[in-house]
Amino acid sequence: MLATFSLLCLLGVRYPLSMLPVLFWELIWKTLWLGIVALPQWLAGHIDPSIVPNIFACSFVVLVYIAIPWRYVFAHYVLARGDRWR
């Protein structure tokens, strides 16, 4: 799965707007992991040293939030009309 994800990320360099769903996948899983796994452990004061590198790597999801063209996403994924069902 990670190899396929890496290949899709390389395609994203050439076709960035077409690869937004892959970027959303990364955004969702990293945000969920931080919220479901890391945050409760941090609040309880039980951060294990083995999990710190994962927290550090996943915290870069903030850059993904900054990099996404939100006007484009809103116009093409939220406001766009879908195709009629047949």
C-alpha atoms as a PDB file:
ATOM      1  CA  MET A   1       0.000   0.000   0.000  1.00  0.00           C
ATOM      2  CA  LEU A   2       2.783   2.427   0.853  1.00  0.00           C
ATOM      3  CA  ALA A   3       4.550   1.732  -2.455  1.00  0.00           C
ATOM      4  CA  THR A   4       1.361   2.503  -4.369  1.00  0.00           C
ATOM      5  CA  PHE A   5       0.821   5.608  -2.291  1.00  0.00           C
ATOM      6  CA  SER A   6       4.377   6.737  -3.101  1.00  0.00           C
ATOM      7  CA  LEU A   7       3.787   6.252  -6.829  1.00  0.00           C
ATOM      8  CA  LEU A   8       0.556   8.245  -6.613  1.00  0.00           C
ATOM      9  CA  CYS A   9       2.414  11.024  -4.820  1.00  0.00           C
ATOM     10  CA  LEU A  10       4.929  11.146  -7.657  1.00  0.00           C
ATOM     11  CA  LEU A  11       2.051  11.477 -10.123  1.00  0.00           C
ATOM     12  CA  GLY A  12       0.799  14.336  -7.993  1.00  0.00           C
ATOM     13  CA  VAL A  13       3.869  16.354  -8.926  1.00  0.00           C
ATOM     14  CA  ARG A  14       2.730  16.238 -12.579  1.00  0.00           C
ATOM     15  CA  TYR A  15      -1.042  16.394 -12.009  1.00  0.00           C
ATOM     16  CA  PRO A  16      -1.555  18.109  -8.642  1.00  0.00           C
ATOM     17  CA  LEU A  17      -5.257  18.910  -8.869  1.00  0.00           C
ATOM     18  CA  SER A  18      -6.150  15.431 -10.110  1.00  0.00           C
ATOM     19  CA  MET A  19      -4.415  13.900  -7.125  1.00  0.00           C
ATOM     20  CA  LEU A  20      -6.302  15.880  -4.473  1.00  0.00           C
ATOM     21  CA  PRO A  21      -8.260  12.784  -3.332  1.00  0.00           C
ATOM     22  CA  VAL A  22      -4.962  11.099  -2.429  1.00  0.00           C
ATOM     23  CA  LEU A  23      -3.970  14.190  -0.500  1.00  0.00           C
ATOM     24  CA  PHE A  24      -7.323  14.093   1.286  1.00  0.00           C
ATOM     25  CA  TRP A  25      -6.656  10.466   2.256  1.00  0.00           C
ATOM     26  CA  GLU A  26      -3.346  11.503   3.827  1.00  0.00           C
ATOM     27  CA  LEU A  27      -5.004  14.440   5.534  1.00  0.00           C
ATOM     28  CA  ILE A  28      -7.764  12.303   7.012  1.00  0.00           C
ATOM     29  CA  TRP A  29      -5.687   9.404   8.330  1.00  0.00           C
ATOM     30  CA  LYS A  30      -2.987  11.573   9.865  1.00  0.00           C
ATOM     31  CA  THR A  31      -5.507  13.862  11.521  1.00  0.00           C
ATOM     32  CA  LEU A  32      -7.485  10.898  12.851  1.00  0.00           C
ATOM     33  CA  TRP A  33      -4.351   9.194  14.153  1.00  0.00           C
ATOM     34  CA  LEU A  34      -3.251  12.341  15.936  1.00  0.00           C
ATOM     35  CA  GLY A  35      -6.722  12.812  17.417  1.00  0.00           C
ATOM     36  CA  ILE A  36      -7.473   9.206  18.348  1.00  0.00           C
ATOM     37  CA  VAL A  37      -4.049   7.843  19.327  1.00  0.00           C
ATOM     38  CA  ALA A  38      -1.642  10.669  20.139  1.00  0.00           C
ATOM     39  CA  LEU A  39      -3.903  13.256  21.757  1.00  0.00           C
ATOM     40  CA  PRO A  40      -5.402  10.975  24.441  1.00  0.00           C
ATOM     41  CA  GLN A  41      -1.953   9.699  25.365  1.00  0.00           C
ATOM     42  CA  TRP A  42      -0.599  13.231  25.562  1.00  0.00           C
ATOM     43  CA  LEU A  43      -3.518  14.407  27.712  1.00  0.00           C
ATOM     44  CA  ALA A  44      -3.026  11.447  30.061  1.00  0.00           C
ATOM     45  CA  GLY A  45       0.721  12.100  30.223  1.00  0.00           C
ATOM     46  CA  HIS A  46       1.592   8.665  28.842  1.00  0.00           C
ATOM     47  CA  ILE A  47       3.604   9.529  25.754  1.00  0.00           C
ATOM     48  CA  ASP A  48       5.860   6.565  25.112  1.00  0.00           C
ATOM     49  CA  PRO A  49       9.286   7.386  23.606  1.00  0.00           C
ATOM     50  CA  SER A  50       8.643   4.892  20.800  1.00  0.00           C
ATOM     51  CA  ILE A  51       5.623   6.865  19.587  1.00  0.00           C
ATOM     52  CA  VAL A  52       7.316  10.287  19.536  1.00  0.00           C
ATOM     53  CA  PRO A  53       8.764   9.872  15.992  1.00  0.00           C
ATOM     54  CA  ASN A  54       5.297   8.975  14.687  1.00  0.00           C
ATOM     55  CA  ILE A  55       3.773  12.013  16.355  1.00  0.00           C
ATOM     56  CA  PHE A  56       6.499  14.203  14.886  1.00  0.00           C
ATOM     57  CA  ALA A  57       6.014  12.780  11.367  1.00  0.00           C
ATOM     58  CA  CYS A  58       2.224  13.009  11.479  1.00  0.00           C
ATOM     59  CA  SER A  59       2.301  16.551  12.846  1.00  0.00           C
ATOM     60  CA  PHE A  60       3.476  17.715   9.435  1.00  0.00           C
ATOM     61  CA  VAL A  61      -0.142  17.265   8.338  1.00  0.00           C
ATOM     62  CA  VAL A  62      -0.426  20.974   9.152  1.00  0.00           C
ATOM     63  CA  LEU A  63       1.531  21.621   5.944  1.00  0.00           C
ATOM     64  CA  VAL A  64      -1.016  19.614   3.975  1.00  0.00           C
ATOM     65  CA  TYR A  65      -3.806  21.817   5.325  1.00  0.00           C
ATOM     66  CA  ILE A  66      -1.845  24.867   4.160  1.00  0.00           C
ATOM     67  CA  ALA A  67      -0.994  23.427   0.730  1.00  0.00           C
ATOM     68  CA  ILE A  68      -4.505  22.432  -0.337  1.00  0.00           C
ATOM     69  CA  PRO A  69      -6.186  24.979  -2.646  1.00  0.00           C
ATOM     70  CA  TRP A  70      -9.371  25.251  -0.596  1.00  0.00           C
ATOM     71  CA  ARG A  71     -11.234  27.527  -3.051  1.00  0.00           C
ATOM     72  CA  TYR A  72     -10.709  24.945  -5.794  1.00  0.00           C
ATOM     73  CA  VAL A  73     -11.828  22.129  -3.487  1.00  0.00           C
ATOM     74  CA  PHE A  74     -14.948  24.012  -2.476  1.00  0.00           C
ATOM     75  CA  ALA A  75     -15.821  24.918  -6.078  1.00  0.00           C
ATOM     76  CA  HIS A  76     -15.169  21.483  -7.591  1.00  0.00           C
ATOM     77  CA  TYR A  77     -16.078  19.081  -4.790  1.00  0.00           C
ATOM     78  CA  VAL A  78     -18.739  20.896  -2.771  1.00  0.00           C
ATOM     79  CA  LEU A  79     -20.574  23.236  -5.146  1.00  0.00           C
ATOM     80  CA  ALA A  80     -20.238  21.229  -8.377  1.00  0.00           C
ATOM     81  CA  ARG A  81     -23.314  19.403  -9.534  1.00  0.00           C
ATOM     82  CA  GLY A  82     -23.034  15.663  -9.832  1.00  0.00           C
ATOM     83  CA  ASP A  83     -23.896  13.622 -12.903  1.00  0.00           C
ATOM     84  CA  ARG A  84     -27.458  12.338 -13.198  1.00  0.00           C
ATOM     85  CA  TRP A  85     -28.062   8.769 -12.222  1.00  0.00           C
ATOM     86  CA  ARG A  86     -29.326   6.576 -15.025  1.00  0.00           C
END
